[in-house]
């Protein structure tokens, strides 16, 4: 993948959230992509922490004009997990993020070469590199199509 963000002050690569690791700037980063991947289960958050992180990421992504997020939430492959996935599905279905998420597609509903797969590619060509993970549908991911934001990438 290409570099997604750099610091608006020093020009070094940086992540979406937090300050620049090089100069400490907290200004909004420069954006070079319209789609990002977000691993919401990284760091083993609780369900509430994961939902709070998602709220923060959605706010920032919309402010920067990002068009889509491929959200990795896991699917409970150990037989124990899946709580974050189900909480995110529930939040989306109950319009918790309706002010920022225009459409969402659960990974298990987007198998490679399906009508939904091609519809997503037509709507957001930037998803092409990410959708290769959906060969047989991917229950551990959800695609979020975002509403209009501050600027385009």
Protein backbone atom coordinates (compact mmCIF):
# COMPACT_ATOMS: atom_id res chain seq x y z
CA UNK A 1 0.00 0.00 0.00
CA UNK A 2 1.08 3.55 -0.51
CA UNK A 3 1.73 6.01 2.26
CA UNK A 4 -1.66 7.21 3.47
CA UNK A 5 -0.74 10.28 5.53
CA UNK A 6 2.11 12.64 6.19
CA UNK A 7 2.63 15.45 8.65
CA UNK A 8 1.43 18.83 7.40
CA UNK A 9 4.29 20.53 9.25
CA UNK A 10 7.41 18.37 8.78
CA UNK A 11 6.34 16.15 5.86
CA UNK A 12 7.26 12.85 7.52
CA UNK A 13 4.96 9.82 7.33
CA UNK A 14 2.47 9.54 10.17
CA UNK A 15 -0.64 7.71 11.29
CA UNK A 16 -4.17 9.07 11.23
CA UNK A 17 -4.71 9.41 14.97
CA UNK A 18 -2.42 11.14 17.43
CA UNK A 19 0.40 13.54 16.78
CA UNK A 20 3.35 13.30 14.45
CA UNK A 21 6.01 11.03 15.93
CA UNK A 22 8.74 13.24 14.44
CA UNK A 23 7.75 16.81 15.30
CA UNK A 24 4.79 16.32 17.65
CA UNK A 25 2.38 18.30 15.47
CA UNK A 26 -1.30 17.68 16.19
CA UNK A 27 -2.45 19.37 12.98
CA UNK A 28 -4.55 17.32 10.57
CA UNK A 29 -2.29 15.20 8.35
CA UNK A 30 -2.04 15.47 4.58
CA UNK A 31 -4.02 12.66 2.91
CA UNK A 32 -2.90 10.64 -0.14
CA UNK A 33 -5.59 7.95 -0.28
CA UNK A 34 -9.37 7.78 -0.16
CA UNK A 35 -9.59 4.39 1.57
CA UNK A 36 -7.93 3.10 4.73
CA UNK A 37 -7.83 -0.14 6.64
CA UNK A 38 -8.54 0.03 10.37
CA UNK A 39 -7.82 -2.91 12.66
CA UNK A 40 -10.20 -2.10 15.51
CA UNK A 41 -9.31 -5.27 17.43
CA UNK A 42 -5.61 -4.38 17.64
CA UNK A 43 -4.50 -4.08 21.24
CA UNK A 44 -7.37 -6.28 22.45
CA UNK A 45 -9.81 -3.52 23.42
CA UNK A 46 -13.06 -4.14 25.24
CA UNK A 47 -16.23 -3.82 23.18
CA UNK A 48 -16.88 -0.31 24.51
CA UNK A 49 -13.29 0.77 23.85
CA UNK A 50 -13.54 -0.56 20.29
CA UNK A 51 -16.79 1.34 19.68
CA UNK A 52 -15.27 4.52 21.13
CA UNK A 53 -12.17 4.12 18.93
CA UNK A 54 -14.38 3.61 15.89
CA UNK A 55 -16.29 6.80 16.71
CA UNK A 56 -13.00 8.75 16.90
CA UNK A 57 -11.67 7.25 13.67
CA UNK A 58 -14.92 7.95 11.82
CA UNK A 59 -14.90 11.56 12.99
CA UNK A 60 -11.32 12.07 11.81
CA UNK A 61 -11.79 10.14 8.55
CA UNK A 62 -14.83 12.22 7.60
CA UNK A 63 -13.06 15.43 8.56
CA UNK A 64 -10.22 14.49 6.18
CA UNK A 65 -12.59 13.52 3.36
CA UNK A 66 -11.83 9.79 3.29
CA UNK A 67 -14.35 7.79 1.28
CA UNK A 68 -14.12 4.30 2.77
CA UNK A 69 -12.80 2.29 5.70
CA UNK A 70 -12.14 -1.42 5.59
CA UNK A 71 -12.78 -2.26 9.23
CA UNK A 72 -11.10 -5.35 10.66
CA UNK A 73 -12.99 -6.49 13.73
CA UNK A 74 -12.38 -10.24 13.72
CA UNK A 75 -15.08 -12.86 13.75
CA UNK A 76 -14.51 -14.98 16.81
CA UNK A 77 -12.52 -17.80 15.20
CA UNK A 78 -11.50 -19.12 18.61
CA UNK A 79 -15.11 -19.85 19.42
CA UNK A 80 -15.01 -17.31 22.23
CA UNK A 81 -14.68 -13.97 20.49
CA UNK A 82 -16.74 -12.09 18.01
CA UNK A 83 -18.10 -9.64 20.57
CA UNK A 84 -16.59 -6.62 18.81
CA UNK A 85 -17.94 -7.80 15.46
CA UNK A 86 -21.47 -8.25 16.80
CA UNK A 87 -21.38 -4.92 18.65
CA UNK A 88 -20.25 -3.10 15.49
CA UNK A 89 -22.89 -4.85 13.39
CA UNK A 90 -25.52 -3.90 15.96
CA UNK A 91 -24.32 -0.29 16.10
CA UNK A 92 -24.45 0.00 12.30
CA UNK A 93 -27.86 -1.63 12.03
CA UNK A 94 -29.20 0.71 14.73
CA UNK A 95 -27.80 3.83 13.00
CA UNK A 96 -25.24 4.73 15.68
CA UNK A 97 -22.90 6.03 12.97
CA UNK A 98 -25.54 7.19 10.46
CA UNK A 99 -24.18 10.74 10.56
CA UNK A 100 -20.88 9.52 9.04
CA UNK A 101 -21.48 6.12 7.42
CA UNK A 102 -23.61 6.24 4.26
CA UNK A 103 -23.51 2.49 3.61
CA UNK A 104 -21.91 -0.57 5.13
CA UNK A 105 -21.25 -4.07 3.86
CA UNK A 106 -20.53 -6.99 6.16
CA UNK A 107 -17.60 -9.01 4.82
CA UNK A 108 -19.51 -12.27 4.73
CA UNK A 109 -21.90 -10.61 2.24
CA UNK A 110 -19.14 -9.53 -0.19
CA UNK A 111 -17.62 -12.65 -1.77
CA UNK A 112 -15.20 -12.13 -4.64
CA UNK A 113 -16.87 -11.58 -8.04
CA UNK A 114 -20.36 -11.22 -6.53
CA UNK A 115 -22.73 -8.46 -7.62
CA UNK A 116 -22.07 -6.69 -4.30
CA UNK A 117 -18.32 -6.93 -4.86
CA UNK A 118 -18.57 -5.23 -8.27
CA UNK A 119 -21.03 -2.65 -6.97
CA UNK A 120 -18.55 -1.68 -4.26
CA UNK A 121 -15.74 -1.37 -6.81
CA UNK A 122 -17.91 0.88 -8.98
CA UNK A 123 -18.75 3.11 -6.01
CA UNK A 124 -15.26 3.21 -4.50
CA UNK A 125 -12.44 2.13 -6.84
CA UNK A 126 -10.00 2.69 -3.96
CA UNK A 127 -11.34 -0.52 -2.39
CA UNK A 128 -9.79 -2.73 -5.08
CA UNK A 129 -6.61 -3.53 -3.13
CA UNK A 130 -8.60 -4.35 0.00
CA UNK A 131 -11.35 -6.46 -1.53
CA UNK A 132 -8.87 -9.18 -2.50
CA UNK A 133 -9.26 -10.33 1.13
CA UNK A 134 -12.92 -11.11 0.42
CA UNK A 135 -12.36 -14.14 -1.85
CA UNK A 136 -15.00 -16.26 -0.10
CA UNK A 137 -16.46 -13.44 1.95
CA UNK A 138 -14.63 -12.36 5.08
CA UNK A 139 -16.67 -12.40 8.26
CA UNK A 140 -13.90 -10.58 10.12
CA UNK A 141 -14.21 -7.38 8.09
CA UNK A 142 -16.82 -4.74 7.31
CA UNK A 143 -16.62 -2.09 4.58
CA UNK A 144 -17.82 1.37 5.59
CA UNK A 145 -18.63 3.91 2.88
CA UNK A 146 -18.39 7.36 4.38
CA UNK A 147 -20.36 10.53 3.79
CA UNK A 148 -18.90 13.71 2.39
CA UNK A 149 -16.11 15.31 4.35
CA UNK A 150 -13.89 18.36 4.48
CA UNK A 151 -11.67 17.59 1.49
CA UNK A 152 -10.93 14.88 -1.05
CA UNK A 153 -7.83 12.74 -1.19
